Amino acid sequence: MRSIKVRVPATSANVGPGYDIFALALKEPFDEFEISTNDSGKITIDIENNIQNIPTEVKDNSAGLAALELFAKKNIGKGVKIKIIKRMNSGGGLGTTGASAAATIFGLNKLLNLNLSKNEMIDFARKGEVASGGSPHADNVAAALLGGFILVKSYNPIDVLNLELPDIPVVLAAIRKSQRTTRGFITYEIGQEKLKEQMARCSRVIHAIHTKDMVEFGKAISLDFIHEPVRGAAIPDYWDIKRKIINMGAYGCTISGGGSSVIAFTPAGKQDDIADLMEKRFSSNPNFTKVYKTFTSNKGVQIV
């Protein structure tokens, strides 16, 4: 086999208090990828529907960077062509760079019969994230590869657990970041009391997933002292809109990934109303893209 086509879902990382350790997969939207090997010894990237000027230079693209890492560590001299078929917008907390890196490592693992474990694939794929955010975080790529809810148990060495989620209705307002990354503005000096509350909320999230208590899940993910204060400040009226979303009956609401998208988890009967509110309140933002009505998903990368 010299080529493979895969579909990789959007993911939402930094779920609530789980900065760089929690993520989950969504049913929609998704990107598609065609990975093919050749004897050129070169890595090339082609992007279909590239309306956002995503870089195709190998070292500037998460897919290319992940492939470079794999080839260097495994001493692989093959060539590979990576075709990215864009179905979702990039730069807005949907995990698109993680999807590209995950698709590339998954595809090459199949094509070259490398027999990588899931943690090995995640470890290679996360190196691609340096191209976009400057940090090899594992949460998005893990959710893209495995689906479900992701808990990064360890970064050294990489060890990831994926937990099954019920079908939770999701409303996601996709809003592009006004700058490449806000990671450099985040401080970890949050103080003893906030640190204890942050840790307690992480415990509540995992407990809620195990018990399938979506009310508890929503409450647990709706507070964060690490990245939400920084990224929320960059979204006009974020705190007021979040309060209204929760008052309308959402289980919970937070910022998706690196921002500036906003994600809400809702009862089925509230999904349409909350989508309408997000559309109304966020559409005046010049970086607003669209509102997605979707669901959590236990499926990660899939062969088409």
Protein backbone atom coordinates (compact mmCIF):
# COMPACT_ATOMS: atom_id res chain seq x y z
CA MET A 1 0.00 0.00 0.00
CA ARG A 2 1.45 3.35 -1.06
CA SER A 3 -1.40 5.72 -0.25
CA ILE A 4 -4.11 6.13 2.34
CA LYS A 5 -6.97 8.58 2.84
CA VAL A 6 -8.15 9.44 6.32
CA ARG A 7 -10.68 11.70 8.01
CA VAL A 8 -9.73 13.42 11.27
CA PRO A 9 -12.21 15.21 13.54
CA ALA A 10 -12.04 18.61 15.12
CA THR A 11 -10.96 18.50 18.73
CA SER A 12 -11.38 20.80 21.70
CA ALA A 13 -8.40 20.89 24.05
CA ASN A 14 -7.63 22.56 27.39
CA VAL A 15 -11.09 21.42 28.45
CA GLY A 16 -11.96 23.55 31.48
CA PRO A 17 -9.24 23.22 34.12
CA GLY A 18 -7.23 20.62 32.15
CA TYR A 19 -4.69 22.90 30.48
CA ASP A 20 -2.61 20.78 28.05
CA ILE A 21 -3.92 17.53 29.61
CA PHE A 22 -7.66 17.35 28.72
CA ALA A 23 -9.15 17.22 25.22
CA LEU A 24 -12.11 15.67 23.43
CA ALA A 25 -13.11 14.79 19.89
CA LEU A 26 -16.11 16.21 18.05
CA LYS A 27 -18.31 14.52 15.46
CA GLU A 28 -18.03 17.50 13.10
CA PRO A 29 -16.32 19.37 11.52
CA PHE A 30 -13.36 17.42 10.13
CA ASP A 31 -10.51 17.59 7.64
CA GLU A 32 -9.48 14.87 5.18
CA PHE A 33 -5.96 13.81 4.25
CA GLU A 34 -4.32 11.79 1.51
CA ILE A 35 -0.92 10.43 2.52
CA SER A 36 1.20 8.73 -0.14
CA THR A 37 4.77 7.46 -0.13
CA ASN A 38 7.27 7.64 -2.97
CA ASP A 39 10.98 7.23 -3.62
CA SER A 40 11.88 10.92 -3.86
CA GLY A 41 13.27 11.18 -0.34
CA LYS A 42 11.36 14.46 0.05
CA ILE A 43 8.35 15.58 2.07
CA THR A 44 5.86 17.71 0.14
CA ILE A 45 2.60 19.29 1.26
CA ASP A 46 -0.36 20.27 -0.87
CA ILE A 47 -3.48 21.94 0.54
CA GLU A 48 -6.86 21.89 -1.18
CA ASN A 49 -9.21 24.77 -0.33
CA ASN A 50 -6.39 26.72 1.32
CA ILE A 51 -8.27 29.98 1.78
CA GLN A 52 -6.34 30.90 4.93
CA ASN A 53 -2.82 30.78 3.46
CA ILE A 54 -1.76 27.84 5.62
CA PRO A 55 1.99 27.35 5.10
CA THR A 56 3.10 24.46 2.90
CA GLU A 57 6.76 24.77 3.86
CA VAL A 58 7.55 21.52 5.66
CA LYS A 59 9.08 23.08 8.78
CA ASP A 60 6.22 25.57 9.11
CA ASN A 61 3.40 23.03 8.83
CA SER A 62 2.43 20.68 11.67
CA ALA A 63 2.04 17.73 9.29
CA GLY A 64 5.46 18.33 7.76
CA LEU A 65 7.15 18.83 11.11
CA ALA A 66 5.65 15.61 12.49
CA ALA A 67 6.84 13.69 9.42
CA LEU A 68 10.34 15.17 9.77
CA GLU A 69 10.47 14.04 13.41
CA LEU A 70 9.34 10.51 12.53
CA PHE A 71 11.75 10.15 9.61
CA ALA A 72 14.69 11.43 11.67
CA LYS A 73 14.05 9.22 14.69
CA LYS A 74 13.30 6.09 12.64
CA ASN A 75 15.98 6.76 9.99
CA ILE A 76 13.45 6.61 7.16
CA GLY A 77 14.60 7.72 3.71
CA LYS A 78 11.30 7.48 1.86
CA GLY A 79 9.48 10.41 0.31
CA VAL A 80 5.94 11.35 1.27
CA LYS A 81 3.28 13.58 -0.22
CA ILE A 82 0.74 14.97 2.24
CA LYS A 83 -2.45 16.36 0.75
CA ILE A 84 -4.65 18.26 3.21
CA ILE A 85 -8.27 18.70 2.17
CA LYS A 86 -9.59 21.54 4.30
CA ARG A 87 -13.15 21.22 5.61
CA MET A 88 -12.71 23.39 8.69
CA ASN A 89 -11.09 26.72 9.42
CA SER A 90 -7.71 26.89 11.10
CA GLY A 91 -6.48 29.09 13.90
CA GLY A 92 -9.60 28.99 16.02
CA GLY A 93 -9.40 26.34 18.71
CA LEU A 94 -10.64 23.43 16.59
CA GLY A 95 -7.42 21.45 16.74
CA THR A 96 -6.72 21.64 13.01
CA THR A 97 -2.94 21.59 13.36
CA GLY A 98 -3.22 18.60 15.66
CA ALA A 99 -5.44 16.90 13.09
CA SER A 100 -2.81 17.40 10.39
CA ALA A 101 -0.02 16.00 12.54
CA ALA A 102 -2.16 13.08 13.73
CA ALA A 103 -3.26 12.17 10.21
CA THR A 104 0.32 12.20 8.95
CA ILE A 105 1.70 9.95 11.69
CA PHE A 106 -1.28 7.60 11.53
CA GLY A 107 -0.98 7.32 7.74
CA LEU A 108 2.77 6.77 7.72
CA ASN A 109 2.48 4.20 10.48
CA LYS A 110 0.10 2.22 8.26
CA LEU A 111 1.97 2.72 4.98
CA LEU A 112 5.42 1.90 6.35
CA ASN A 113 4.27 -0.90 8.69
CA LEU A 114 5.97 0.75 11.66
CA ASN A 115 3.70 -0.84 14.29
CA LEU A 116 3.87 2.23 16.52
CA SER A 117 1.89 2.12 19.75
CA LYS A 118 -0.75 4.77 20.38
CA ASN A 119 1.58 6.61 22.77
CA GLU A 120 4.42 6.51 20.24
CA MET A 121 2.14 7.96 17.54
CA ILE A 122 1.02 10.71 19.93
CA ASP A 123 4.62 11.49 20.86
CA PHE A 124 5.63 11.92 17.21
CA ALA A 125 2.49 13.83 16.25
CA ARG A 126 2.75 16.30 19.13
CA LYS A 127 6.13 17.50 17.83
CA GLY A 128 4.24 18.92 14.86
CA GLU A 129 2.34 21.29 17.16
CA VAL A 130 5.52 23.34 17.56
CA ALA A 131 4.84 24.72 14.06
CA SER A 132 1.70 26.53 15.24
CA GLY A 133 1.86 27.09 18.98
CA GLY A 134 5.53 26.72 19.79
CA SER A 135 4.85 23.87 22.23
CA PRO A 136 4.65 20.09 21.67
CA HIS A 137 1.41 19.63 23.61
CA ALA A 138 -0.23 16.23 23.29
CA ASP A 139 -3.91 16.84 24.05
CA ASN A 140 -5.21 17.73 20.57
CA VAL A 141 -3.25 15.09 18.67
CA ALA A 142 -4.30 12.41 21.16
CA ALA A 143 -7.99 13.29 20.80
CA ALA A 144 -7.64 13.36 17.01
CA LEU A 145 -6.02 9.93 16.95
CA LEU A 146 -8.10 8.14 19.59
CA GLY A 147 -11.39 10.00 19.92
CA GLY A 148 -13.37 10.30 23.16
CA PHE A 149 -12.11 12.25 26.15
CA ILE A 150 -8.34 12.45 26.56
CA LEU A 151 -6.38 12.54 29.79
CA VAL A 152 -2.65 13.00 29.38
CA LYS A 153 -1.39 10.99 32.36
CA SER A 154 2.27 11.77 31.80
CA TYR A 155 4.42 13.89 29.50
CA ASN A 156 7.68 12.17 30.40
CA PRO A 157 7.22 9.61 29.02
CA ILE A 158 4.04 10.29 27.05
CA ASP A 159 1.18 8.23 28.44
CA VAL A 160 -2.38 8.96 27.40
CA LEU A 161 -5.73 7.54 28.49
CA ASN A 162 -8.88 7.92 26.41
CA LEU A 163 -12.27 7.64 28.13
CA GLU A 164 -15.59 6.98 26.43
CA LEU A 165 -18.02 9.89 26.33
CA PRO A 166 -21.79 9.84 25.97
CA ASP A 167 -23.20 11.73 22.98
CA ILE A 168 -23.23 15.25 24.41
CA PRO A 169 -24.77 17.99 22.24
CA VAL A 170 -22.21 20.71 21.57
CA VAL A 171 -22.49 24.27 20.31
CA LEU A 172 -19.22 25.78 19.15
CA ALA A 173 -18.77 29.35 17.98
CA ALA A 174 -15.72 29.23 15.72
CA ILE A 175 -13.75 32.45 16.08
CA ARG A 176 -10.26 32.83 14.64
CA LYS A 177 -7.49 34.05 16.92
CA SER A 178 -6.37 37.61 16.27
CA GLN A 179 -2.77 36.46 16.76
CA ARG A 180 -0.90 33.23 16.20
CA THR A 181 -0.82 32.13 19.83
CA THR A 182 -1.50 33.58 23.28
CA ARG A 183 0.45 30.85 25.08
CA GLY A 184 3.24 33.26 26.00
CA PHE A 185 0.85 35.47 27.99
CA ILE A 186 -0.36 32.68 30.27
CA THR A 187 1.00 32.68 33.81
CA TYR A 188 1.13 29.70 36.13
CA GLU A 189 1.46 31.88 39.23
CA ILE A 190 -2.18 31.57 40.25
CA GLY A 191 -1.70 31.28 44.00
CA GLN A 192 -2.30 28.49 46.48
CA GLU A 193 -6.08 28.73 46.78
CA LYS A 194 -6.70 28.86 43.02
CA LEU A 195 -4.23 26.04 42.47
CA LYS A 196 -6.12 23.81 44.91
CA GLU A 197 -9.43 24.66 43.23
CA GLN A 198 -7.94 23.98 39.79
CA MET A 199 -6.77 20.54 40.91
CA ALA A 200 -10.14 19.80 42.50
CA ARG A 201 -11.94 20.73 39.28
CA CYS A 202 -9.73 18.33 37.30
CA SER A 203 -10.76 15.55 39.68
CA ARG A 204 -14.42 16.51 39.24
CA VAL A 205 -14.14 16.32 35.45
CA ILE A 206 -12.80 12.76 35.50
CA HIS A 207 -15.34 11.68 38.11
CA ALA A 208 -18.18 13.16 36.03
CA ILE A 209 -17.05 11.25 32.93
CA HIS A 210 -16.82 7.97 34.84
CA THR A 211 -20.33 8.47 36.27
CA LYS A 212 -21.68 9.99 33.02
CA ASP A 213 -23.00 12.95 35.01
CA MET A 214 -23.16 15.74 32.46
CA VAL A 215 -24.45 18.32 34.94
CA GLU A 216 -21.38 17.73 37.07
CA PHE A 217 -19.17 17.69 33.98
CA GLY A 218 -20.51 21.09 32.91
CA LYS A 219 -19.94 22.66 36.30
CA ALA A 220 -16.44 21.25 36.52
CA ILE A 221 -15.29 22.56 33.12
CA SER A 222 -16.77 26.03 33.54
CA LEU A 223 -14.00 27.36 35.77
CA ASP A 224 -10.32 27.73 34.94
CA PHE A 225 -7.65 29.98 36.42
CA ILE A 226 -4.85 29.30 33.95
CA HIS A 227 -5.72 29.96 30.31
CA GLU A 228 -9.33 31.19 30.36
CA PRO A 229 -8.56 34.58 32.00
CA VAL A 230 -5.99 35.38 29.29
CA ARG A 231 -7.91 34.06 26.30
CA GLY A 232 -11.29 35.23 27.56
CA ALA A 233 -9.96 38.79 27.71
CA ALA A 234 -9.31 38.63 23.96
CA ILE A 235 -12.94 37.75 23.14
CA PRO A 236 -15.30 40.76 23.28
CA ASP A 237 -18.15 40.23 25.80
CA TYR A 238 -16.97 36.69 26.52
CA TRP A 239 -17.82 36.66 30.22
CA ASP A 240 -21.29 38.12 29.72
CA ILE A 241 -22.07 35.70 26.88
CA LYS A 242 -20.79 32.77 28.90
CA ARG A 243 -23.02 33.73 31.83
CA LYS A 244 -26.06 33.95 29.54
CA ILE A 245 -25.27 30.56 27.93
CA ILE A 246 -25.16 28.88 31.32
CA ASN A 247 -28.30 30.68 32.49
CA MET A 248 -30.08 29.36 29.37
CA GLY A 249 -29.48 25.82 30.59
CA ALA A 250 -26.10 24.77 29.18
CA TYR A 251 -24.28 22.18 31.26
CA GLY A 252 -21.13 24.24 30.91
CA CYS A 253 -19.23 26.69 28.73
CA THR A 254 -15.55 27.45 28.22
CA ILE A 255 -12.95 28.45 25.63
CA SER A 256 -12.05 25.81 23.06
CA GLY A 257 -8.38 24.98 22.73
CA GLY A 258 -6.14 27.99 22.25
CA GLY A 259 -9.12 30.23 21.51
CA SER A 260 -10.79 32.25 20.37
CA SER A 261 -13.60 29.75 19.80
CA VAL A 262 -16.20 29.21 22.54
CA ILE A 263 -17.69 25.79 23.29
CA ALA A 264 -20.84 24.93 25.22
CA PHE A 265 -22.12 21.50 26.27
CA THR A 266 -25.90 21.44 26.33
CA PRO A 267 -28.99 19.31 26.87
CA ALA A 268 -30.49 18.30 23.52
CA GLY A 269 -33.49 20.60 23.95
CA LYS A 270 -31.28 23.66 24.51
CA GLN A 271 -28.86 23.24 21.60
CA ASP A 272 -30.79 25.32 19.05
CA ASP A 273 -31.49 28.22 21.40
CA ILE A 274 -27.90 28.41 22.58
CA ALA A 275 -26.68 28.25 18.97
CA ASP A 276 -28.97 31.18 18.13
CA LEU A 277 -27.60 33.17 21.06
CA MET A 278 -24.00 32.50 20.03
CA GLU A 279 -24.77 33.48 16.44
CA LYS A 280 -26.37 36.73 17.57
CA ARG A 281 -23.72 37.73 20.08
CA PHE A 282 -20.54 36.63 18.29
CA SER A 283 -21.40 37.49 14.67
CA SER A 284 -20.28 41.12 15.11
CA ASN A 285 -16.76 39.91 15.89
CA PRO A 286 -14.68 40.42 12.70
CA ASN A 287 -12.94 37.08 13.33
CA PHE A 288 -16.17 35.12 13.72
CA THR A 289 -16.52 32.20 11.29
CA LYS A 290 -19.65 30.20 12.09
CA VAL A 291 -21.57 28.35 14.78
CA TYR A 292 -21.41 24.56 14.71
CA LYS A 293 -24.09 22.34 16.22
CA THR A 294 -22.40 19.00 16.75
CA PHE A 295 -21.75 16.25 19.31
CA THR A 296 -18.87 14.75 21.22
CA SER A 297 -17.44 11.69 19.50
CA ASN A 298 -15.62 8.54 20.52
CA LYS A 299 -14.11 8.19 17.04
CA GLY A 300 -10.73 9.60 16.20
CA VAL A 301 -8.92 9.25 12.88
CA GLN A 302 -10.76 7.00 10.42
CA ILE A 303 -9.66 5.45 7.15
CA VAL A 304 -11.93 6.65 4.33
